[in-house]
N, C-alpha and C. Protein backbone atom coordinates (compact mmCIF):
# COMPACT_ATOMS: atom_id res chain seq x y z
N UNK A 1 -14.12 -8.31 -9.90
CA UNK A 1 -13.88 -8.93 -8.61
C UNK A 1 -15.05 -8.62 -7.69
N UNK A 2 -15.34 -9.55 -6.82
CA UNK A 2 -16.35 -9.33 -5.80
C UNK A 2 -15.62 -9.00 -4.50
N UNK A 3 -16.08 -7.96 -3.83
CA UNK A 3 -15.50 -7.57 -2.54
C UNK A 3 -16.61 -7.57 -1.50
N UNK A 4 -16.35 -8.29 -0.42
CA UNK A 4 -17.29 -8.35 0.71
C UNK A 4 -16.62 -7.71 1.91
N UNK A 5 -17.36 -6.84 2.58
CA UNK A 5 -16.93 -6.30 3.87
C UNK A 5 -17.77 -7.00 4.92
N UNK A 6 -17.11 -7.67 5.84
CA UNK A 6 -17.80 -8.25 6.99
C UNK A 6 -17.45 -7.37 8.18
N UNK A 7 -18.47 -6.78 8.78
CA UNK A 7 -18.26 -5.82 9.85
C UNK A 7 -19.09 -6.18 11.07
N UNK A 8 -18.67 -5.68 12.20
CA UNK A 8 -19.43 -5.87 13.44
C UNK A 8 -20.21 -4.60 13.71
N UNK A 9 -21.48 -4.74 13.93
CA UNK A 9 -22.32 -3.61 14.29
C UNK A 9 -22.89 -2.87 13.09
N UNK A 10 -23.89 -2.09 13.39
CA UNK A 10 -24.56 -1.29 12.37
C UNK A 10 -24.06 0.14 12.45
N UNK A 11 -24.21 0.85 11.34
CA UNK A 11 -23.88 2.27 11.34
C UNK A 11 -25.09 3.03 11.84
N UNK A 12 -24.86 3.90 12.81
CA UNK A 12 -25.98 4.64 13.42
C UNK A 12 -26.07 6.09 12.93
N UNK A 13 -24.92 6.70 12.64
CA UNK A 13 -24.91 8.10 12.25
C UNK A 13 -25.16 8.26 10.75
N UNK A 14 -26.02 9.21 10.40
CA UNK A 14 -26.39 9.43 9.00
C UNK A 14 -25.19 9.81 8.14
N UNK A 15 -24.25 10.58 8.70
CA UNK A 15 -23.11 11.01 7.90
C UNK A 15 -22.21 9.83 7.52
N UNK A 16 -22.11 8.82 8.38
CA UNK A 16 -21.36 7.61 8.00
C UNK A 16 -22.13 6.82 6.96
N UNK A 17 -23.44 6.71 7.14
CA UNK A 17 -24.28 5.99 6.18
C UNK A 17 -24.18 6.64 4.81
N UNK A 18 -24.23 7.96 4.76
CA UNK A 18 -24.12 8.67 3.49
C UNK A 18 -22.77 8.41 2.82
N UNK A 19 -21.70 8.41 3.61
CA UNK A 19 -20.36 8.17 3.05
C UNK A 19 -20.25 6.75 2.51
N UNK A 20 -20.79 5.78 3.24
CA UNK A 20 -20.76 4.38 2.78
C UNK A 20 -21.54 4.25 1.48
N UNK A 21 -22.70 4.89 1.39
CA UNK A 21 -23.50 4.85 0.15
C UNK A 21 -22.74 5.47 -1.01
N UNK A 22 -22.08 6.59 -0.76
CA UNK A 22 -21.33 7.28 -1.81
C UNK A 22 -20.20 6.42 -2.34
N UNK A 23 -19.39 5.84 -1.45
CA UNK A 23 -18.28 5.00 -1.92
C UNK A 23 -18.78 3.69 -2.52
N UNK A 24 -19.88 3.18 -2.03
CA UNK A 24 -20.46 1.97 -2.64
C UNK A 24 -20.87 2.26 -4.07
N UNK A 25 -21.48 3.43 -4.28
CA UNK A 25 -21.89 3.83 -5.63
C UNK A 25 -20.66 3.99 -6.53
N UNK A 26 -19.64 4.66 -6.04
CA UNK A 26 -18.42 4.86 -6.83
C UNK A 26 -17.76 3.53 -7.17
N UNK A 27 -17.76 2.61 -6.24
CA UNK A 27 -17.11 1.31 -6.46
C UNK A 27 -17.89 0.42 -7.41
N UNK A 28 -19.15 0.68 -7.63
CA UNK A 28 -19.99 -0.20 -8.45
C UNK A 28 -19.47 -0.33 -9.88
N UNK A 29 -18.70 0.63 -10.36
CA UNK A 29 -18.16 0.52 -11.72
C UNK A 29 -16.90 -0.35 -11.78
N UNK A 30 -16.34 -0.70 -10.61
CA UNK A 30 -15.10 -1.47 -10.58
C UNK A 30 -15.26 -2.90 -10.04
N UNK A 31 -16.21 -3.08 -9.13
CA UNK A 31 -16.35 -4.39 -8.49
C UNK A 31 -17.78 -4.55 -8.00
N UNK A 32 -18.09 -5.78 -7.60
CA UNK A 32 -19.38 -6.06 -6.97
C UNK A 32 -19.14 -6.02 -5.46
N UNK A 33 -19.76 -5.07 -4.79
CA UNK A 33 -19.54 -4.84 -3.37
C UNK A 33 -20.71 -5.36 -2.56
N UNK A 34 -20.39 -6.02 -1.47
CA UNK A 34 -21.40 -6.53 -0.53
C UNK A 34 -20.92 -6.18 0.87
N UNK A 35 -21.81 -5.66 1.70
CA UNK A 35 -21.47 -5.35 3.09
C UNK A 35 -22.38 -6.19 3.98
N UNK A 36 -21.75 -7.03 4.81
CA UNK A 36 -22.47 -7.91 5.73
C UNK A 36 -22.17 -7.47 7.16
N UNK A 37 -23.21 -7.37 7.97
CA UNK A 37 -23.05 -6.90 9.34
C UNK A 37 -23.35 -8.01 10.34
N UNK A 38 -22.38 -8.26 11.22
CA UNK A 38 -22.59 -9.19 12.33
C UNK A 38 -23.04 -8.36 13.54
N UNK A 39 -23.97 -8.90 14.30
CA UNK A 39 -24.45 -8.19 15.49
C UNK A 39 -23.30 -8.01 16.48
N UNK A 40 -23.27 -6.84 17.10
CA UNK A 40 -22.23 -6.61 18.12
C UNK A 40 -22.80 -6.95 19.50
N UNK A 41 -21.89 -7.23 20.41
CA UNK A 41 -22.24 -7.53 21.80
C UNK A 41 -22.04 -6.26 22.63
N UNK A 42 -22.92 -6.06 23.57
CA UNK A 42 -22.74 -4.95 24.50
C UNK A 42 -21.57 -5.27 25.42
N UNK A 43 -20.70 -4.29 25.60
CA UNK A 43 -19.59 -4.45 26.52
C UNK A 43 -19.82 -3.53 27.71
N UNK A 44 -20.10 -4.11 28.88
CA UNK A 44 -20.34 -3.25 30.04
C UNK A 44 -19.07 -2.49 30.45
N UNK A 45 -19.25 -1.30 30.99
CA UNK A 45 -18.11 -0.53 31.50
C UNK A 45 -17.40 -1.35 32.56
N UNK A 46 -16.09 -1.33 32.51
CA UNK A 46 -15.30 -2.05 33.51
C UNK A 46 -15.27 -3.55 33.29
N UNK A 47 -15.62 -3.99 32.09
CA UNK A 47 -15.60 -5.43 31.81
C UNK A 47 -14.18 -5.96 31.97
N UNK A 48 -14.06 -7.10 32.59
CA UNK A 48 -12.75 -7.71 32.80
C UNK A 48 -12.26 -8.40 31.54
N UNK A 49 -11.02 -8.85 31.60
CA UNK A 49 -10.39 -9.49 30.45
C UNK A 49 -11.15 -10.76 30.02
N UNK A 50 -11.61 -11.54 30.97
CA UNK A 50 -12.32 -12.78 30.65
C UNK A 50 -13.62 -12.47 29.91
N UNK A 51 -14.37 -11.48 30.37
CA UNK A 51 -15.62 -11.11 29.71
C UNK A 51 -15.34 -10.56 28.32
N UNK A 52 -14.30 -9.75 28.19
CA UNK A 52 -13.95 -9.22 26.87
C UNK A 52 -13.60 -10.34 25.90
N UNK A 53 -12.89 -11.36 26.37
CA UNK A 53 -12.56 -12.51 25.51
C UNK A 53 -13.84 -13.23 25.07
N UNK A 54 -14.80 -13.38 25.99
CA UNK A 54 -16.08 -14.03 25.66
C UNK A 54 -16.83 -13.22 24.61
N UNK A 55 -16.84 -11.91 24.78
CA UNK A 55 -17.54 -11.03 23.84
C UNK A 55 -16.89 -11.14 22.46
N UNK A 56 -15.56 -11.07 22.40
CA UNK A 56 -14.86 -11.19 21.11
C UNK A 56 -15.11 -12.55 20.48
N UNK A 57 -15.18 -13.59 21.30
CA UNK A 57 -15.43 -14.94 20.77
C UNK A 57 -16.83 -15.02 20.15
N UNK A 58 -17.83 -14.45 20.82
CA UNK A 58 -19.20 -14.45 20.27
C UNK A 58 -19.25 -13.68 18.95
N UNK A 59 -18.65 -12.48 18.94
CA UNK A 59 -18.63 -11.71 17.70
C UNK A 59 -17.84 -12.45 16.63
N UNK A 60 -16.76 -13.10 17.04
CA UNK A 60 -15.93 -13.86 16.10
C UNK A 60 -16.70 -14.99 15.43
N UNK A 61 -17.53 -15.70 16.20
CA UNK A 61 -18.36 -16.77 15.62
C UNK A 61 -19.31 -16.20 14.58
N UNK A 62 -19.91 -15.06 14.88
CA UNK A 62 -20.83 -14.42 13.93
C UNK A 62 -20.10 -13.98 12.67
N UNK A 63 -18.91 -13.42 12.86
CA UNK A 63 -18.10 -12.99 11.71
C UNK A 63 -17.78 -14.18 10.83
N UNK A 64 -17.30 -15.27 11.43
CA UNK A 64 -16.87 -16.43 10.64
C UNK A 64 -18.02 -17.03 9.84
N UNK A 65 -19.22 -16.96 10.36
CA UNK A 65 -20.38 -17.46 9.61
C UNK A 65 -20.66 -16.61 8.37
N UNK A 66 -20.23 -15.35 8.40
CA UNK A 66 -20.50 -14.44 7.28
C UNK A 66 -19.39 -14.40 6.23
N UNK A 67 -18.22 -14.92 6.57
CA UNK A 67 -17.11 -14.91 5.61
C UNK A 67 -17.45 -15.85 4.45
N UNK A 68 -17.49 -15.33 3.24
CA UNK A 68 -17.84 -16.17 2.10
C UNK A 68 -16.80 -17.28 1.87
N UNK A 69 -17.31 -18.47 1.64
CA UNK A 69 -16.43 -19.61 1.39
C UNK A 69 -15.61 -19.35 0.12
N UNK A 70 -14.35 -19.67 0.19
CA UNK A 70 -13.47 -19.52 -0.96
C UNK A 70 -12.93 -18.12 -1.17
N UNK A 71 -13.30 -17.19 -0.29
CA UNK A 71 -12.80 -15.82 -0.46
C UNK A 71 -11.42 -15.69 0.18
N UNK A 72 -10.67 -14.72 -0.32
CA UNK A 72 -9.37 -14.36 0.25
C UNK A 72 -9.68 -13.34 1.35
N UNK A 73 -9.29 -13.63 2.58
CA UNK A 73 -9.70 -12.83 3.74
C UNK A 73 -8.57 -11.94 4.21
N UNK A 74 -8.86 -10.64 4.28
CA UNK A 74 -7.94 -9.66 4.85
C UNK A 74 -8.63 -9.06 6.07
N UNK A 75 -8.07 -9.35 7.25
CA UNK A 75 -8.63 -8.83 8.49
C UNK A 75 -7.91 -7.55 8.87
N UNK A 76 -8.67 -6.54 9.25
CA UNK A 76 -8.08 -5.29 9.71
C UNK A 76 -7.71 -5.46 11.18
N UNK A 77 -6.42 -5.31 11.46
CA UNK A 77 -5.92 -5.52 12.81
C UNK A 77 -4.73 -4.60 13.03
N UNK A 78 -4.65 -4.02 14.19
CA UNK A 78 -3.59 -3.06 14.49
C UNK A 78 -2.20 -3.69 14.31
N UNK A 79 -2.10 -5.01 14.53
CA UNK A 79 -0.81 -5.70 14.40
C UNK A 79 -0.52 -6.15 12.97
N UNK A 80 -1.40 -5.80 12.05
CA UNK A 80 -1.21 -6.20 10.65
C UNK A 80 -0.15 -5.38 9.94
N UNK A 81 0.05 -5.73 8.69
CA UNK A 81 1.03 -5.05 7.84
C UNK A 81 0.44 -3.72 7.35
N UNK A 82 1.25 -2.70 7.37
CA UNK A 82 0.82 -1.39 6.87
C UNK A 82 1.20 -1.28 5.39
N UNK A 83 0.29 -0.73 4.61
CA UNK A 83 0.54 -0.50 3.19
C UNK A 83 0.25 0.95 2.85
N UNK A 84 0.88 1.44 1.81
CA UNK A 84 0.50 2.72 1.24
C UNK A 84 -0.75 2.49 0.39
N UNK A 85 -1.35 3.55 -0.08
CA UNK A 85 -2.50 3.41 -0.99
C UNK A 85 -2.07 2.67 -2.25
N UNK A 86 -0.89 2.99 -2.75
CA UNK A 86 -0.38 2.30 -3.93
C UNK A 86 -0.13 0.82 -3.63
N UNK A 87 0.34 0.54 -2.42
CA UNK A 87 0.57 -0.85 -2.02
C UNK A 87 -0.72 -1.65 -1.94
N UNK A 88 -1.79 -1.02 -1.43
CA UNK A 88 -3.09 -1.71 -1.39
C UNK A 88 -3.59 -1.95 -2.80
N UNK A 89 -3.40 -0.97 -3.68
CA UNK A 89 -3.80 -1.14 -5.08
C UNK A 89 -3.05 -2.31 -5.71
N UNK A 90 -1.75 -2.39 -5.46
CA UNK A 90 -0.95 -3.51 -5.98
C UNK A 90 -1.44 -4.84 -5.42
N UNK A 91 -1.80 -4.86 -4.14
CA UNK A 91 -2.30 -6.08 -3.50
C UNK A 91 -3.59 -6.54 -4.17
N UNK A 92 -4.55 -5.63 -4.33
CA UNK A 92 -5.83 -5.97 -4.94
C UNK A 92 -5.63 -6.42 -6.38
N UNK A 93 -4.84 -5.67 -7.13
CA UNK A 93 -4.58 -6.01 -8.53
C UNK A 93 -3.86 -7.35 -8.63
N UNK A 94 -2.85 -7.54 -7.79
CA UNK A 94 -2.09 -8.79 -7.81
C UNK A 94 -2.93 -10.00 -7.47
N UNK A 95 -3.83 -9.86 -6.50
CA UNK A 95 -4.72 -10.98 -6.16
C UNK A 95 -5.61 -11.32 -7.35
N UNK A 96 -6.12 -10.29 -8.04
CA UNK A 96 -6.95 -10.54 -9.22
C UNK A 96 -6.17 -11.25 -10.31
N UNK A 97 -4.94 -10.83 -10.52
CA UNK A 97 -4.09 -11.47 -11.54
C UNK A 97 -3.82 -12.92 -11.17
N UNK A 98 -3.69 -13.21 -9.88
CA UNK A 98 -3.45 -14.58 -9.42
C UNK A 98 -4.71 -15.43 -9.43
N UNK A 99 -5.83 -14.84 -9.82
CA UNK A 99 -7.05 -15.62 -9.95
C UNK A 99 -8.01 -15.52 -8.78
N UNK A 100 -7.71 -14.66 -7.81
CA UNK A 100 -8.64 -14.46 -6.70
C UNK A 100 -9.82 -13.65 -7.23
N UNK A 101 -11.02 -14.20 -7.11
CA UNK A 101 -12.19 -13.50 -7.63
C UNK A 101 -13.07 -12.92 -6.52
N UNK A 102 -12.77 -13.29 -5.27
CA UNK A 102 -13.60 -12.82 -4.16
C UNK A 102 -12.68 -12.44 -3.00
N UNK A 103 -12.72 -11.18 -2.65
CA UNK A 103 -11.90 -10.62 -1.58
C UNK A 103 -12.83 -10.22 -0.44
N UNK A 104 -12.47 -10.61 0.78
CA UNK A 104 -13.29 -10.30 1.95
C UNK A 104 -12.44 -9.55 2.97
N UNK A 105 -12.87 -8.34 3.30
CA UNK A 105 -12.24 -7.55 4.35
C UNK A 105 -13.08 -7.69 5.62
N UNK A 106 -12.42 -7.85 6.76
CA UNK A 106 -13.12 -8.02 8.03
C UNK A 106 -12.75 -6.89 8.98
N UNK A 107 -13.77 -6.23 9.52
CA UNK A 107 -13.60 -5.16 10.50
C UNK A 107 -14.27 -5.61 11.79
N UNK A 108 -13.52 -5.65 12.87
CA UNK A 108 -14.06 -6.08 14.16
C UNK A 108 -14.83 -4.99 14.87
N UNK A 109 -15.31 -5.33 16.03
CA UNK A 109 -16.06 -4.40 16.85
C UNK A 109 -15.15 -3.58 17.75
N UNK A 110 -15.71 -3.02 18.81
CA UNK A 110 -14.97 -2.11 19.68
C UNK A 110 -13.81 -2.78 20.40
N UNK A 111 -13.86 -4.09 20.56
CA UNK A 111 -12.77 -4.80 21.24
C UNK A 111 -11.76 -5.41 20.27
N UNK A 112 -12.02 -5.27 18.99
CA UNK A 112 -11.13 -5.87 18.00
C UNK A 112 -11.65 -7.23 17.56
N UNK A 113 -10.76 -8.02 16.98
CA UNK A 113 -11.13 -9.31 16.42
C UNK A 113 -10.67 -10.46 17.30
N UNK A 114 -11.47 -11.49 17.36
CA UNK A 114 -11.13 -12.70 18.09
C UNK A 114 -9.95 -13.39 17.41
N UNK A 115 -9.16 -14.09 18.21
CA UNK A 115 -7.97 -14.79 17.69
C UNK A 115 -8.34 -15.78 16.58
N UNK A 116 -9.50 -16.42 16.68
CA UNK A 116 -9.91 -17.39 15.65
C UNK A 116 -10.13 -16.71 14.31
N UNK A 117 -10.65 -15.50 14.32
CA UNK A 117 -10.85 -14.75 13.08
C UNK A 117 -9.49 -14.35 12.49
N UNK A 118 -8.58 -13.93 13.36
CA UNK A 118 -7.25 -13.54 12.90
C UNK A 118 -6.53 -14.74 12.29
N UNK A 119 -6.70 -15.92 12.86
CA UNK A 119 -6.09 -17.14 12.30
C UNK A 119 -6.73 -17.51 10.97
N UNK A 120 -8.02 -17.27 10.83
CA UNK A 120 -8.73 -17.59 9.58
C UNK A 120 -8.30 -16.70 8.43
N UNK A 121 -7.87 -15.49 8.76
CA UNK A 121 -7.49 -14.52 7.72
C UNK A 121 -6.27 -14.99 6.95
N UNK A 122 -6.27 -14.68 5.66
CA UNK A 122 -5.11 -14.95 4.83
C UNK A 122 -4.02 -13.91 5.07
N UNK A 123 -4.46 -12.76 5.57
CA UNK A 123 -3.52 -11.67 5.78
C UNK A 123 -4.14 -10.66 6.74
N UNK A 124 -3.28 -9.98 7.51
CA UNK A 124 -3.71 -8.92 8.42
C UNK A 124 -3.23 -7.58 7.87
N UNK A 125 -4.12 -6.61 7.89
CA UNK A 125 -3.82 -5.28 7.36
C UNK A 125 -4.07 -4.25 8.45
N UNK A 126 -3.12 -3.34 8.63
CA UNK A 126 -3.27 -2.26 9.60
C UNK A 126 -3.30 -0.94 8.86
N UNK A 127 -4.20 -0.07 9.26
CA UNK A 127 -4.26 1.26 8.68
C UNK A 127 -3.49 2.27 9.53
N UNK A 128 -3.19 1.89 10.78
CA UNK A 128 -2.51 2.82 11.68
C UNK A 128 -2.24 2.11 13.00
N UNK A 129 -1.36 2.70 13.79
CA UNK A 129 -1.17 2.21 15.16
C UNK A 129 -2.30 2.72 16.06
N UNK A 130 -3.08 3.64 15.54
CA UNK A 130 -4.22 4.19 16.29
C UNK A 130 -5.44 3.28 16.14
N UNK A 131 -6.36 3.43 17.05
CA UNK A 131 -7.63 2.70 16.99
C UNK A 131 -8.70 3.65 16.48
N UNK A 132 -9.52 3.16 15.54
CA UNK A 132 -10.61 3.96 14.98
C UNK A 132 -11.94 3.30 15.31
N UNK A 133 -13.01 4.08 15.45
CA UNK A 133 -14.33 3.48 15.61
C UNK A 133 -14.66 2.63 14.38
N UNK A 134 -15.28 1.48 14.59
CA UNK A 134 -15.53 0.57 13.46
C UNK A 134 -16.41 1.21 12.39
N UNK A 135 -17.29 2.13 12.78
CA UNK A 135 -18.13 2.79 11.78
C UNK A 135 -17.28 3.69 10.86
N UNK A 136 -16.36 4.41 11.45
CA UNK A 136 -15.45 5.26 10.66
C UNK A 136 -14.50 4.40 9.84
N UNK A 137 -14.05 3.28 10.39
CA UNK A 137 -13.13 2.41 9.67
C UNK A 137 -13.77 1.87 8.41
N UNK A 138 -15.05 1.63 8.45
CA UNK A 138 -15.76 1.15 7.25
C UNK A 138 -15.65 2.19 6.13
N UNK A 139 -15.82 3.46 6.47
CA UNK A 139 -15.72 4.53 5.47
C UNK A 139 -14.29 4.64 4.96
N UNK A 140 -13.32 4.61 5.87
CA UNK A 140 -11.91 4.71 5.47
C UNK A 140 -11.54 3.55 4.55
N UNK A 141 -11.94 2.35 4.90
CA UNK A 141 -11.63 1.19 4.07
C UNK A 141 -12.25 1.32 2.68
N UNK A 142 -13.52 1.70 2.61
CA UNK A 142 -14.17 1.84 1.30
C UNK A 142 -13.48 2.91 0.46
N UNK A 143 -13.08 4.02 1.09
CA UNK A 143 -12.39 5.07 0.36
C UNK A 143 -11.07 4.53 -0.20
N UNK A 144 -10.36 3.75 0.59
CA UNK A 144 -9.07 3.22 0.14
C UNK A 144 -9.23 2.16 -0.95
N UNK A 145 -10.28 1.39 -0.89
CA UNK A 145 -10.56 0.43 -1.97
C UNK A 145 -10.88 1.19 -3.25
N UNK A 146 -11.70 2.23 -3.13
CA UNK A 146 -12.02 3.07 -4.29
C UNK A 146 -10.75 3.70 -4.86
N UNK A 147 -9.92 4.25 -3.98
CA UNK A 147 -8.65 4.87 -4.41
C UNK A 147 -7.78 3.82 -5.10
N UNK A 148 -7.78 2.60 -4.58
CA UNK A 148 -7.00 1.51 -5.19
C UNK A 148 -7.44 1.27 -6.63
N UNK A 149 -8.73 1.21 -6.85
CA UNK A 149 -9.21 0.98 -8.21
C UNK A 149 -8.87 2.14 -9.14
N UNK A 150 -8.90 3.35 -8.62
CA UNK A 150 -8.51 4.50 -9.44
C UNK A 150 -7.02 4.38 -9.83
N UNK A 151 -6.20 3.94 -8.88
CA UNK A 151 -4.77 3.75 -9.15
C UNK A 151 -4.57 2.62 -10.16
N UNK A 152 -5.26 1.50 -9.95
CA UNK A 152 -5.14 0.33 -10.84
C UNK A 152 -5.47 0.72 -12.28
N UNK A 153 -6.51 1.53 -12.44
CA UNK A 153 -6.97 1.93 -13.78
C UNK A 153 -6.30 3.21 -14.28
N UNK A 154 -5.30 3.67 -13.52
CA UNK A 154 -4.54 4.87 -13.87
C UNK A 154 -5.46 6.07 -14.12
N UNK A 155 -6.43 6.21 -13.25
CA UNK A 155 -7.38 7.31 -13.33
C UNK A 155 -7.03 8.35 -12.25
N UNK A 156 -7.27 9.61 -12.53
CA UNK A 156 -6.91 10.64 -11.54
C UNK A 156 -7.81 10.57 -10.31
N UNK A 157 -7.22 10.96 -9.20
CA UNK A 157 -7.95 11.04 -7.94
C UNK A 157 -7.22 12.04 -7.07
N UNK A 158 -7.94 12.83 -6.32
CA UNK A 158 -7.28 13.87 -5.53
C UNK A 158 -6.28 13.26 -4.55
N UNK A 159 -5.25 14.02 -4.28
CA UNK A 159 -4.19 13.55 -3.34
C UNK A 159 -4.31 14.26 -2.03
């Protein structure tokens, strides 16, 4: 299976970059991984609701241009469905069995995802009711995808 992560913004901290590289390497034996980055918009302090909507819309347009055609899109959103690690493994495995060959996960920027991106998604996934920095969320998502493949292949992984 091919897995694409479409994310907003670049990773700036070396420790996040190192973690992304490590999980990308681990995942290479299970899937073809691609990470695409959409430029983020600066959000001024005290930005009003209208400006925040404009910023999300601009980021949303950039995200939509990067979503691979024909891919099954799972957008990370706080209002999405929560799954266990085993549940995510079942989801990934089940999509593969149903013939989905390209899975695309979308991570928004600091303001979240534009409504148009959420509508484009085939499904919304939530990791928590809490909000995480998008750079950290990229690492968490990659770890969970890796854990999913270990579960799918019935291979041991620390708990």
